Amino acid sequence: MGVDVKLMRVTRRGTSPKNRRLTQVDSVQDWADLFSGLCAASALPMLNRVDPYRSQILTSAEMPQFISEVDATRDLVHNQQVRDILQSIRQLAERCAESSDLELHLQGD
């Protein structure tokens, strides 16, 4: 059960939640369940909350903590494939942190 990470742009017309529209900007696919496995084994609070069966939405305000936890996890991993997926996820998180109209969607199966 992988957890795909999607960078989504949020557009709103007016104040009604019905007018909220999401557009996918970029994504990282967790084909080999690498990210979901790391999250399940993590002792870090934000990564540990990631559920491979549900979706979670993170806002730009949450990116500093998310990025620091991804960095801490990447520093402990020696497998290059795992390091690469964490680096790709970090890049999406950095982009999300730069704009309040972006969200990071962690989508389980």
PDB file of N, CA and C in Angstrom:
ATOM      1  N   MET A   1       0.824  -1.176   0.000  1.00  0.00           N
ATOM      2  CA  MET A   1       0.000   0.000   0.000  1.00  0.00           C
ATOM      3  C   MET A   1       0.871   1.243   0.000  1.00  0.00           C
ATOM      4  N   GLY A   2       1.057   1.825  -1.140  1.00  0.00           N
ATOM      5  CA  GLY A   2       1.885   3.015  -1.260  1.00  0.00           C
ATOM      6  C   GLY A   2       1.151   4.276  -0.870  1.00  0.00           C
ATOM      7  N   VAL A   3       1.931   5.302  -0.624  1.00  0.00           N
ATOM      8  CA  VAL A   3       1.379   6.623  -0.336  1.00  0.00           C
ATOM      9  C   VAL A   3       1.940   7.571  -1.393  1.00  0.00           C
ATOM     10  N   ASP A   4       1.100   7.976  -2.334  1.00  0.00           N
ATOM     11  CA  ASP A   4       1.518   8.914  -3.364  1.00  0.00           C
ATOM     12  C   ASP A   4       1.442  10.329  -2.808  1.00  0.00           C
ATOM     13  N   VAL A   5       2.400  11.151  -3.211  1.00  0.00           N
ATOM     14  CA  VAL A   5       2.465  12.532  -2.729  1.00  0.00           C
ATOM     15  C   VAL A   5       2.148  13.442  -3.909  1.00  0.00           C
ATOM     16  N   LYS A   6       1.115  14.259  -3.753  1.00  0.00           N
ATOM     17  CA  LYS A   6       0.677  15.136  -4.845  1.00  0.00           C
ATOM     18  C   LYS A   6       0.679  16.579  -4.386  1.00  0.00           C
ATOM     19  N   LEU A   7       1.252  17.422  -5.209  1.00  0.00           N
ATOM     20  CA  LEU A   7       1.230  18.857  -4.977  1.00  0.00           C
ATOM     21  C   LEU A   7       0.015  19.408  -5.713  1.00  0.00           C
ATOM     22  N   MET A   8      -0.901  20.015  -4.953  1.00  0.00           N
ATOM     23  CA  MET A   8      -2.161  20.482  -5.514  1.00  0.00           C
ATOM     24  C   MET A   8      -2.306  21.990  -5.342  1.00  0.00           C
ATOM     25  N   ARG A   9      -2.788  22.634  -6.398  1.00  0.00           N
ATOM     26  CA  ARG A   9      -3.103  24.064  -6.338  1.00  0.00           C
ATOM     27  C   ARG A   9      -4.584  24.202  -5.987  1.00  0.00           C
ATOM     28  N   VAL A  10      -4.865  25.051  -5.018  1.00  0.00           N
ATOM     29  CA  VAL A  10      -6.232  25.289  -4.561  1.00  0.00           C
ATOM     30  C   VAL A  10      -6.692  26.635  -5.098  1.00  0.00           C
ATOM     31  N   THR A  11      -7.823  26.625  -5.784  1.00  0.00           N
ATOM     32  CA  THR A  11      -8.428  27.881  -6.228  1.00  0.00           C
ATOM     33  C   THR A  11      -9.826  27.950  -5.636  1.00  0.00           C
ATOM     34  N   ARG A  12     -10.192  29.147  -5.242  1.00  0.00           N
ATOM     35  CA  ARG A  12     -11.508  29.367  -4.622  1.00  0.00           C
ATOM     36  C   ARG A  12     -12.178  30.552  -5.306  1.00  0.00           C
ATOM     37  N   ARG A  13     -13.447  30.395  -5.565  1.00  0.00           N
ATOM     38  CA  ARG A  13     -14.270  31.507  -6.043  1.00  0.00           C
ATOM     39  C   ARG A  13     -15.257  31.802  -4.944  1.00  0.00           C
ATOM     40  N   GLY A  14     -15.119  32.931  -4.330  1.00  0.00           N
ATOM     41  CA  GLY A  14     -16.002  33.282  -3.231  1.00  0.00           C
ATOM     42  C   GLY A  14     -15.587  32.590  -1.944  1.00  0.00           C
ATOM     43  N   THR A  15     -16.504  32.510  -1.011  1.00  0.00           N
ATOM     44  CA  THR A  15     -16.187  31.968   0.308  1.00  0.00           C
ATOM     45  C   THR A  15     -16.756  30.575   0.545  1.00  0.00           C
ATOM     46  N   SER A  16     -17.570  30.090  -0.344  1.00  0.00           N
ATOM     47  CA  SER A  16     -18.198  28.787  -0.155  1.00  0.00           C
ATOM     48  C   SER A  16     -17.190  27.653  -0.392  1.00  0.00           C
ATOM     49  N   PRO A  17     -17.181  26.639   0.493  1.00  0.00           N
ATOM     50  CA  PRO A  17     -16.302  25.489   0.263  1.00  0.00           C
ATOM     51  C   PRO A  17     -16.670  24.713  -1.003  1.00  0.00           C
ATOM     52  N   LYS A  18     -17.888  24.893  -1.501  1.00  0.00           N
ATOM     53  CA  LYS A  18     -18.298  24.239  -2.742  1.00  0.00           C
ATOM     54  C   LYS A  18     -17.497  24.752  -3.935  1.00  0.00           C
ATOM     55  N   ASN A  19     -16.984  25.958  -3.825  1.00  0.00           N
ATOM     56  CA  ASN A  19     -16.250  26.568  -4.931  1.00  0.00           C
ATOM     57  C   ASN A  19     -14.752  26.289  -4.864  1.00  0.00           C
ATOM     58  N   ARG A  20     -14.340  25.382  -4.016  1.00  0.00           N
ATOM     59  CA  ARG A  20     -12.940  25.001  -3.892  1.00  0.00           C
ATOM     60  C   ARG A  20     -12.600  24.022  -5.018  1.00  0.00           C
ATOM     61  N   ARG A  21     -11.564  24.349  -5.781  1.00  0.00           N
ATOM     62  CA  ARG A  21     -11.126  23.508  -6.898  1.00  0.00           C
ATOM     63  C   ARG A  21      -9.666  23.136  -6.699  1.00  0.00           C
ATOM     64  N   LEU A  22      -9.336  21.896  -7.017  1.00  0.00           N
ATOM     65  CA  LEU A  22      -7.965  21.404  -6.898  1.00  0.00           C
ATOM     66  C   LEU A  22      -7.425  21.057  -8.278  1.00  0.00           C
ATOM     67  N   THR A  23      -6.180  21.452  -8.533  1.00  0.00           N
ATOM     68  CA  THR A  23      -5.483  21.112  -9.758  1.00  0.00           C
ATOM     69  C   THR A  23      -4.139  20.514  -9.388  1.00  0.00           C
ATOM     70  N   GLN A  24      -3.862  19.333  -9.911  1.00  0.00           N
ATOM     71  CA  GLN A  24      -2.581  18.701  -9.610  1.00  0.00           C
ATOM     72  C   GLN A  24      -1.461  19.428 -10.344  1.00  0.00           C
ATOM     73  N   VAL A  25      -0.428  19.804  -9.595  1.00  0.00           N
ATOM     74  CA  VAL A  25       0.720  20.513 -10.143  1.00  0.00           C
ATOM     75  C   VAL A  25       1.851  19.531 -10.438  1.00  0.00           C
ATOM     76  N   ASP A  26       2.083  18.601  -9.513  1.00  0.00           N
ATOM     77  CA  ASP A  26       3.180  17.632  -9.645  1.00  0.00           C
ATOM     78  C   ASP A  26       2.917  16.491  -8.682  1.00  0.00           C
ATOM     79  N   SER A  27       3.650  15.387  -8.837  1.00  0.00           N
ATOM     80  CA  SER A  27       3.448  14.266  -7.927  1.00  0.00           C
ATOM     81  C   SER A  27       4.674  13.368  -7.867  1.00  0.00           C
ATOM     82  N   VAL A  28       4.723  12.581  -6.803  1.00  0.00           N
ATOM     83  CA  VAL A  28       5.726  11.528  -6.626  1.00  0.00           C
ATOM     84  C   VAL A  28       4.944  10.257  -6.324  1.00  0.00           C
ATOM     85  N   GLN A  29       5.132   9.249  -7.160  1.00  0.00           N
ATOM     86  CA  GLN A  29       4.433   7.979  -6.986  1.00  0.00           C
ATOM     87  C   GLN A  29       5.253   7.045  -6.102  1.00  0.00           C
ATOM     88  N   ASP A  30       4.598   6.383  -5.185  1.00  0.00           N
ATOM     89  CA  ASP A  30       5.242   5.442  -4.267  1.00  0.00           C
ATOM     90  C   ASP A  30       4.962   4.013  -4.736  1.00  0.00           C
ATOM     91  N   TRP A  31       5.441   3.686  -5.934  1.00  0.00           N
ATOM     92  CA  TRP A  31       5.153   2.389  -6.556  1.00  0.00           C
ATOM     93  C   TRP A  31       5.644   1.220  -5.709  1.00  0.00           C
ATOM     94  N   ALA A  32       6.801   1.358  -5.103  1.00  0.00           N
ATOM     95  CA  ALA A  32       7.410   0.241  -4.364  1.00  0.00           C
ATOM     96  C   ALA A  32       7.116   0.307  -2.865  1.00  0.00           C
ATOM     97  N   ASP A  33       6.197   1.139  -2.451  1.00  0.00           N
ATOM     98  CA  ASP A  33       5.819   1.272  -1.036  1.00  0.00           C
ATOM     99  C   ASP A  33       6.983   1.697  -0.142  1.00  0.00           C
ATOM    100  N   LEU A  34       7.934   2.420  -0.708  1.00  0.00           N
ATOM    101  CA  LEU A  34       9.102   2.847   0.055  1.00  0.00           C
ATOM    102  C   LEU A  34       8.745   3.924   1.069  1.00  0.00           C
ATOM    103  N   PHE A  35       8.038   4.961   0.608  1.00  0.00           N
ATOM    104  CA  PHE A  35       7.677   6.059   1.496  1.00  0.00           C
ATOM    105  C   PHE A  35       6.705   5.595   2.578  1.00  0.00           C
ATOM    106  N   SER A  36       5.711   4.813   2.206  1.00  0.00           N
ATOM    107  CA  SER A  36       4.744   4.346   3.203  1.00  0.00           C
ATOM    108  C   SER A  36       5.420   3.467   4.252  1.00  0.00           C
ATOM    109  N   GLY A  37       6.386   2.666   3.855  1.00  0.00           N
ATOM    110  CA  GLY A  37       7.120   1.839   4.808  1.00  0.00           C
ATOM    111  C   GLY A  37       7.930   2.660   5.785  1.00  0.00           C
ATOM    112  N   LEU A  38       8.563   3.716   5.272  1.00  0.00           N
ATOM    113  CA  LEU A  38       9.333   4.606   6.147  1.00  0.00           C
ATOM    114  C   LEU A  38       8.418   5.312   7.144  1.00  0.00           C
ATOM    115  N   CYS A  39       7.270   5.743   6.665  1.00  0.00           N
ATOM    116  CA  CYS A  39       6.329   6.443   7.546  1.00  0.00           C
ATOM    117  C   CYS A  39       5.818   5.520   8.647  1.00  0.00           C
ATOM    118  N   ALA A  40       5.501   4.285   8.288  1.00  0.00           N
ATOM    119  CA  ALA A  40       4.982   3.335   9.277  1.00  0.00           C
ATOM    120  C   ALA A  40       6.009   3.042  10.366  1.00  0.00           C
ATOM    121  N   ALA A  41       7.293   3.054  10.001  1.00  0.00           N
ATOM    122  CA  ALA A  41       8.356   2.740  10.961  1.00  0.00           C
ATOM    123  C   ALA A  41       8.899   3.984  11.667  1.00  0.00           C
ATOM    124  N   SER A  42       8.443   5.148  11.274  1.00  0.00           N
ATOM    125  CA  SER A  42       8.998   6.394  11.796  1.00  0.00           C
ATOM    126  C   SER A  42       8.520   6.687  13.221  1.00  0.00           C
ATOM    127  N   ALA A  43       9.427   7.254  14.000  1.00  0.00           N
ATOM    128  CA  ALA A  43       9.080   7.726  15.343  1.00  0.00           C
ATOM    129  C   ALA A  43       8.786   9.223  15.319  1.00  0.00           C
ATOM    130  N   LEU A  44       8.903   9.846  14.148  1.00  0.00           N
ATOM    131  CA  LEU A  44       8.649  11.281  14.012  1.00  0.00           C
ATOM    132  C   LEU A  44       7.145  11.523  13.880  1.00  0.00           C
ATOM    133  N   PRO A  45       6.618  12.527  14.576  1.00  0.00           N
ATOM    134  CA  PRO A  45       5.154  12.673  14.702  1.00  0.00           C
ATOM    135  C   PRO A  45       4.403  12.872  13.391  1.00  0.00           C
ATOM    136  N   MET A  46       4.875  13.703  12.508  1.00  0.00           N
ATOM    137  CA  MET A  46       4.130  13.973  11.285  1.00  0.00           C
ATOM    138  C   MET A  46       4.192  12.776  10.329  1.00  0.00           C
ATOM    139  N   LEU A  47       5.371  12.195  10.162  1.00  0.00           N
ATOM    140  CA  LEU A  47       5.498  11.039   9.274  1.00  0.00           C
ATOM    141  C   LEU A  47       4.763   9.833   9.837  1.00  0.00           C
ATOM    142  N   ASN A  48       4.753   9.677  11.138  1.00  0.00           N
ATOM    143  CA  ASN A  48       4.089   8.536  11.760  1.00  0.00           C
ATOM    144  C   ASN A  48       2.575   8.583  11.580  1.00  0.00           C
ATOM    145  N   ARG A  49       2.013   9.772  11.362  1.00  0.00           N
ATOM    146  CA  ARG A  49       0.561   9.915  11.155  1.00  0.00           C
ATOM    147  C   ARG A  49       0.120   9.526   9.751  1.00  0.00           C
ATOM    148  N   VAL A  50       1.070   9.378   8.828  1.00  0.00           N
ATOM    149  CA  VAL A  50       0.722   9.036   7.445  1.00  0.00           C
ATOM    150  C   VAL A  50       0.147   7.622   7.421  1.00  0.00           C
ATOM    151  N   ASP A  51      -1.030   7.491   6.838  1.00  0.00           N
ATOM    152  CA  ASP A  51      -1.753   6.220   6.804  1.00  0.00           C
ATOM    153  C   ASP A  51      -1.815   5.725   5.357  1.00  0.00           C
ATOM    154  N   PRO A  52      -1.327   4.502   5.097  1.00  0.00           N
ATOM    155  CA  PRO A  52      -1.344   3.994   3.719  1.00  0.00           C
ATOM    156  C   PRO A  52      -2.747   3.694   3.190  1.00  0.00           C
ATOM    157  N   TYR A  53      -3.766   3.795   4.032  1.00  0.00           N
ATOM    158  CA  TYR A  53      -5.142   3.514   3.609  1.00  0.00           C
ATOM    159  C   TYR A  53      -6.009   4.760   3.521  1.00  0.00           C
ATOM    160  N   ARG A  54      -5.459   5.893   3.898  1.00  0.00           N
ATOM    161  CA  ARG A  54      -6.235   7.138   3.909  1.00  0.00           C
ATOM    162  C   ARG A  54      -5.431   8.260   3.288  1.00  0.00           C
ATOM    163  N   SER A  55      -6.097   9.364   3.079  1.00  0.00           N
ATOM    164  CA  SER A  55      -5.429  10.544   2.544  1.00  0.00           C
ATOM    165  C   SER A  55      -5.256  11.582   3.642  1.00  0.00           C
ATOM    166  N   GLN A  56      -4.222  12.354   3.507  1.00  0.00           N
ATOM    167  CA  GLN A  56      -3.938  13.417   4.466  1.00  0.00           C
ATOM    168  C   GLN A  56      -3.543  14.651   3.664  1.00  0.00           C
ATOM    169  N   ILE A  57      -4.008  15.805   4.098  1.00  0.00           N
ATOM    170  CA  ILE A  57      -3.702  17.059   3.423  1.00  0.00           C
ATOM    171  C   ILE A  57      -2.848  17.915   4.346  1.00  0.00           C
ATOM    172  N   LEU A  58      -1.715  18.375   3.817  1.00  0.00           N
ATOM    173  CA  LEU A  58      -0.824  19.263   4.559  1.00  0.00           C
ATOM    174  C   LEU A  58      -0.784  20.617   3.857  1.00  0.00           C
ATOM    175  N   THR A  59      -0.840  21.684   4.630  1.00  0.00           N
ATOM    176  CA  THR A  59      -0.805  23.034   4.076  1.00  0.00           C
ATOM    177  C   THR A  59       0.622  23.572   4.081  1.00  0.00           C
ATOM    178  N   SER A  60       0.792  24.718   3.482  1.00  0.00           N
ATOM    179  CA  SER A  60       2.121  25.341   3.435  1.00  0.00           C
ATOM    180  C   SER A  60       2.641  25.648   4.836  1.00  0.00           C
ATOM    181  N   ALA A  61       1.751  25.923   5.780  1.00  0.00           N
ATOM    182  CA  ALA A  61       2.166  26.220   7.152  1.00  0.00           C
ATOM    183  C   ALA A  61       2.793  25.003   7.833  1.00  0.00           C
ATOM    184  N   GLU A  62       2.446  23.805   7.394  1.00  0.00           N
ATOM    185  CA  GLU A  62       2.973  22.578   7.997  1.00  0.00           C
ATOM    186  C   GLU A  62       4.270  22.091   7.348  1.00  0.00           C
ATOM    187  N   MET A  63       4.695  22.754   6.287  1.00  0.00           N
ATOM    188  CA  MET A  63       5.853  22.284   5.536  1.00  0.00           C
ATOM    189  C   MET A  63       7.181  22.337   6.302  1.00  0.00           C
ATOM    190  N   PRO A  64       7.455  23.350   7.146  1.00  0.00           N
ATOM    191  CA  PRO A  64       8.738  23.330   7.854  1.00  0.00           C
ATOM    192  C   PRO A  64       8.951  22.052   8.672  1.00  0.00           C
ATOM    193  N   GLN A  65       7.922  21.624   9.402  1.00  0.00           N
ATOM    194  CA  GLN A  65       8.055  20.396  10.185  1.00  0.00           C
ATOM    195  C   GLN A  65       8.163  19.181   9.271  1.00  0.00           C
ATOM    196  N   PHE A  66       7.338  19.126   8.225  1.00  0.00           N
ATOM    197  CA  PHE A  66       7.365  17.998   7.301  1.00  0.00           C
ATOM    198  C   PHE A  66       8.740  17.882   6.648  1.00  0.00           C
ATOM    199  N   ILE A  67       9.281  18.995   6.192  1.00  0.00           N
ATOM    200  CA  ILE A  67      10.596  18.987   5.549  1.00  0.00           C
ATOM    201  C   ILE A  67      11.671  18.525   6.524  1.00  0.00           C
ATOM    202  N   SER A  68      11.618  19.000   7.761  1.00  0.00           N
ATOM    203  CA  SER A  68      12.641  18.596   8.732  1.00  0.00           C
ATOM    204  C   SER A  68      12.550  17.101   9.028  1.00  0.00           C
ATOM    205  N   GLU A  69      11.354  16.542   9.064  1.00  0.00           N
ATOM    206  CA  GLU A  69      11.208  15.108   9.305  1.00  0.00           C
ATOM    207  C   GLU A  69      11.663  14.284   8.100  1.00  0.00           C
ATOM    208  N   VAL A  70      11.384  14.765   6.896  1.00  0.00           N
ATOM    209  CA  VAL A  70      11.876  14.078   5.697  1.00  0.00           C
ATOM    210  C   VAL A  70      13.402  14.114   5.670  1.00  0.00           C
ATOM    211  N   ASP A  71      13.996  15.260   6.002  1.00  0.00           N
ATOM    212  CA  ASP A  71      15.456  15.373   6.044  1.00  0.00           C
ATOM    213  C   ASP A  71      16.067  14.435   7.079  1.00  0.00           C
ATOM    214  N   ALA A  72      15.475  14.391   8.261  1.00  0.00           N
ATOM    215  CA  ALA A  72      15.996  13.526   9.326  1.00  0.00           C
ATOM    216  C   ALA A  72      15.921  12.058   8.903  1.00  0.00           C
ATOM    217  N   THR A  73      14.853  11.684   8.238  1.00  0.00           N
ATOM    218  CA  THR A  73      14.706  10.306   7.770  1.00  0.00           C
ATOM    219  C   THR A  73      15.700  10.008   6.661  1.00  0.00           C
ATOM    220  N   ARG A  74      15.857  10.929   5.725  1.00  0.00           N
ATOM    221  CA  ARG A  74      16.794  10.730   4.614  1.00  0.00           C
ATOM    222  C   ARG A  74      18.225  10.573   5.116  1.00  0.00           C
ATOM    223  N   ASP A  75      18.581  11.295   6.182  1.00  0.00           N
ATOM    224  CA  ASP A  75      19.934  11.201   6.733  1.00  0.00           C
ATOM    225  C   ASP A  75      20.230   9.830   7.328  1.00  0.00           C
ATOM    226  N   LEU A  76      19.193   9.094   7.710  1.00  0.00           N
ATOM    227  CA  LEU A  76      19.380   7.771   8.321  1.00  0.00           C
ATOM    228  C   LEU A  76      19.372   6.626   7.313  1.00  0.00           C
ATOM    229  N   VAL A  77      18.952   6.920   6.084  1.00  0.00           N
ATOM    230  CA  VAL A  77      18.777   5.881   5.070  1.00  0.00           C
ATOM    231  C   VAL A  77      20.015   5.788   4.184  1.00  0.00           C
ATOM    232  N   HIS A  78      20.413   4.555   3.878  1.00  0.00           N
ATOM    233  CA  HIS A  78      21.587   4.353   3.025  1.00  0.00           C
ATOM    234  C   HIS A  78      21.216   3.851   1.634  1.00  0.00           C
ATOM    235  N   ASN A  79      19.993   3.390   1.442  1.00  0.00           N
ATOM    236  CA  ASN A  79      19.527   2.907   0.148  1.00  0.00           C
ATOM    237  C   ASN A  79      19.284   4.103  -0.775  1.00  0.00           C
ATOM    238  N   GLN A  80      19.952   4.109  -1.930  1.00  0.00           N
ATOM    239  CA  GLN A  80      19.872   5.262  -2.828  1.00  0.00           C
ATOM    240  C   GLN A  80      18.470   5.460  -3.398  1.00  0.00           C
ATOM    241  N   GLN A  81      17.766   4.387  -3.682  1.00  0.00           N
ATOM    242  CA  GLN A  81      16.406   4.508  -4.214  1.00  0.00           C
ATOM    243  C   GLN A  81      15.487   5.192  -3.200  1.00  0.00           C
ATOM    244  N   VAL A  82      15.629   4.847  -1.935  1.00  0.00           N
ATOM    245  CA  VAL A  82      14.823   5.467  -0.884  1.00  0.00           C
ATOM    246  C   VAL A  82      15.218   6.926  -0.714  1.00  0.00           C
ATOM    247  N   ARG A  83      16.509   7.207  -0.750  1.00  0.00           N
ATOM    248  CA  ARG A  83      16.976   8.595  -0.635  1.00  0.00           C
ATOM    249  C   ARG A  83      16.429   9.438  -1.783  1.00  0.00           C
ATOM    250  N   ASP A  84      16.374   8.862  -2.979  1.00  0.00           N
ATOM    251  CA  ASP A  84      15.869   9.591  -4.151  1.00  0.00           C
ATOM    252  C   ASP A  84      14.386   9.941  -4.012  1.00  0.00           C
ATOM    253  N   ILE A  85      13.570   8.994  -3.542  1.00  0.00           N
ATOM    254  CA  ILE A  85      12.145   9.292  -3.392  1.00  0.00           C
ATOM    255  C   ILE A  85      11.934  10.335  -2.298  1.00  0.00           C
ATOM    256  N   LEU A  86      12.716  10.269  -1.219  1.00  0.00           N
ATOM    257  CA  LEU A  86      12.606  11.279  -0.168  1.00  0.00           C
ATOM    258  C   LEU A  86      13.028  12.653  -0.674  1.00  0.00           C
ATOM    259  N   GLN A  87      14.044  12.695  -1.528  1.00  0.00           N
ATOM    260  CA  GLN A  87      14.476  13.972  -2.095  1.00  0.00           C
ATOM    261  C   GLN A  87      13.385  14.552  -3.005  1.00  0.00           C
ATOM    262  N   SER A  88      12.743  13.707  -3.783  1.00  0.00           N
ATOM    263  CA  SER A  88      11.656  14.170  -4.659  1.00  0.00           C
ATOM    264  C   SER A  88      10.479  14.693  -3.841  1.00  0.00           C
ATOM    265  N   ILE A  89      10.152  14.016  -2.754  1.00  0.00           N
ATOM    266  CA  ILE A  89       9.071  14.464  -1.873  1.00  0.00           C
ATOM    267  C   ILE A  89       9.452  15.784  -1.219  1.00  0.00           C
ATOM    268  N   ARG A  90      10.711  15.902  -0.824  1.00  0.00           N
ATOM    269  CA  ARG A  90      11.185  17.154  -0.207  1.00  0.00           C
ATOM    270  C   ARG A  90      11.034  18.324  -1.180  1.00  0.00           C
ATOM    271  N   GLN A  91      11.348  18.094  -2.448  1.00  0.00           N
ATOM    272  CA  GLN A  91      11.235  19.160  -3.449  1.00  0.00           C
ATOM    273  C   GLN A  91       9.784  19.621  -3.597  1.00  0.00           C
ATOM    274  N   LEU A  92       8.838  18.683  -3.572  1.00  0.00           N
ATOM    275  CA  LEU A  92       7.424  19.074  -3.610  1.00  0.00           C
ATOM    276  C   LEU A  92       7.066  19.885  -2.373  1.00  0.00           C
ATOM    277  N   ALA A  93       7.561  19.456  -1.213  1.00  0.00           N
ATOM    278  CA  ALA A  93       7.273  20.163   0.040  1.00  0.00           C
ATOM    279  C   ALA A  93       7.858  21.577   0.020  1.00  0.00           C
ATOM    280  N   GLU A  94       9.033  21.740  -0.546  1.00  0.00           N
ATOM    281  CA  GLU A  94       9.631  23.082  -0.648  1.00  0.00           C
ATOM    282  C   GLU A  94       8.766  23.985  -1.513  1.00  0.00           C
ATOM    283  N   ARG A  95       8.273  23.457  -2.617  1.00  0.00           N
ATOM    284  CA  ARG A  95       7.396  24.243  -3.480  1.00  0.00           C
ATOM    285  C   ARG A  95       6.101  24.603  -2.755  1.00  0.00           C
ATOM    286  N   CYS A  96       5.565  23.669  -1.998  1.00  0.00           N
ATOM    287  CA  CYS A  96       4.347  23.914  -1.235  1.00  0.00           C
ATOM    288  C   CYS A  96       4.574  25.005  -0.193  1.00  0.00           C
ATOM    289  N   ALA A  97       5.730  24.990   0.444  1.00  0.00           N
ATOM    290  CA  ALA A  97       6.039  25.969   1.494  1.00  0.00           C
ATOM    291  C   ALA A  97       6.095  27.392   0.958  1.00  0.00           C
ATOM    292  N   GLU A  98       6.358  27.536  -0.324  1.00  0.00           N
ATOM    293  CA  GLU A  98       6.525  28.859  -0.925  1.00  0.00           C
ATOM    294  C   GLU A  98       5.213  29.555  -1.257  1.00  0.00           C
ATOM    295  N   SER A  99       4.097  28.828  -1.227  1.00  0.00           N
ATOM    296  CA  SER A  99       2.843  29.422  -1.688  1.00  0.00           C
ATOM    297  C   SER A  99       1.665  28.940  -0.852  1.00  0.00           C
ATOM    298  N   SER A 100       0.863  29.872  -0.386  1.00  0.00           N
ATOM    299  CA  SER A 100      -0.287  29.510   0.443  1.00  0.00           C
ATOM    300  C   SER A 100      -1.431  28.895  -0.373  1.00  0.00           C
ATOM    301  N   ASP A 101      -1.358  28.937  -1.702  1.00  0.00           N
ATOM    302  CA  ASP A 101      -2.418  28.324  -2.505  1.00  0.00           C
ATOM    303  C   ASP A 101      -2.064  26.894  -2.927  1.00  0.00           C
ATOM    304  N   LEU A 102      -1.015  26.327  -2.321  1.00  0.00           N
ATOM    305  CA  LEU A 102      -0.624  24.947  -2.600  1.00  0.00           C
ATOM    306  C   LEU A 102      -0.822  24.085  -1.360  1.00  0.00           C
ATOM    307  N   GLU A 103      -1.156  22.827  -1.595  1.00  0.00           N
ATOM    308  CA  GLU A 103      -1.278  21.836  -0.526  1.00  0.00           C
ATOM    309  C   GLU A 103      -0.536  20.581  -0.957  1.00  0.00           C
ATOM    310  N   LEU A 104      -0.066  19.827   0.014  1.00  0.00           N
ATOM    311  CA  LEU A 104       0.570  18.545  -0.244  1.00  0.00           C
ATOM    312  C   LEU A 104      -0.430  17.470   0.174  1.00  0.00           C
ATOM    313  N   HIS A 105      -0.834  16.648  -0.771  1.00  0.00           N
ATOM    314  CA  HIS A 105      -1.795  15.586  -0.500  1.00  0.00           C
ATOM    315  C   HIS A 105      -1.042  14.258  -0.438  1.00  0.00           C
ATOM    316  N   LEU A 106      -1.123  13.592   0.703  1.00  0.00           N
ATOM    317  CA  LEU A 106      -0.518  12.277   0.894  1.00  0.00           C
ATOM    318  C   LEU A 106      -1.650  11.271   0.726  1.00  0.00           C
ATOM    319  N   GLN A 107      -1.657  10.593  -0.406  1.00  0.00           N
ATOM    320  CA  GLN A 107      -2.812   9.769  -0.749  1.00  0.00           C
ATOM    321  C   GLN A 107      -2.497   8.289  -0.644  1.00  0.00           C
ATOM    322  N   GLY A 108      -3.148   7.649   0.327  1.00  0.00           N
ATOM    323  CA  GLY A 108      -3.041   6.202   0.476  1.00  0.00           C
ATOM    324  C   GLY A 108      -3.992   5.509  -0.485  1.00  0.00           C
ATOM    325  N   ASP A 109      -3.925   4.205  -0.495  1.00  0.00           N
ATOM    326  CA  ASP A 109      -4.778   3.417  -1.401  1.00  0.00           C
ATOM    327  C   ASP A 109      -6.194   3.345  -0.938  1.00  0.00           C
TER     328      ASP A 109
END
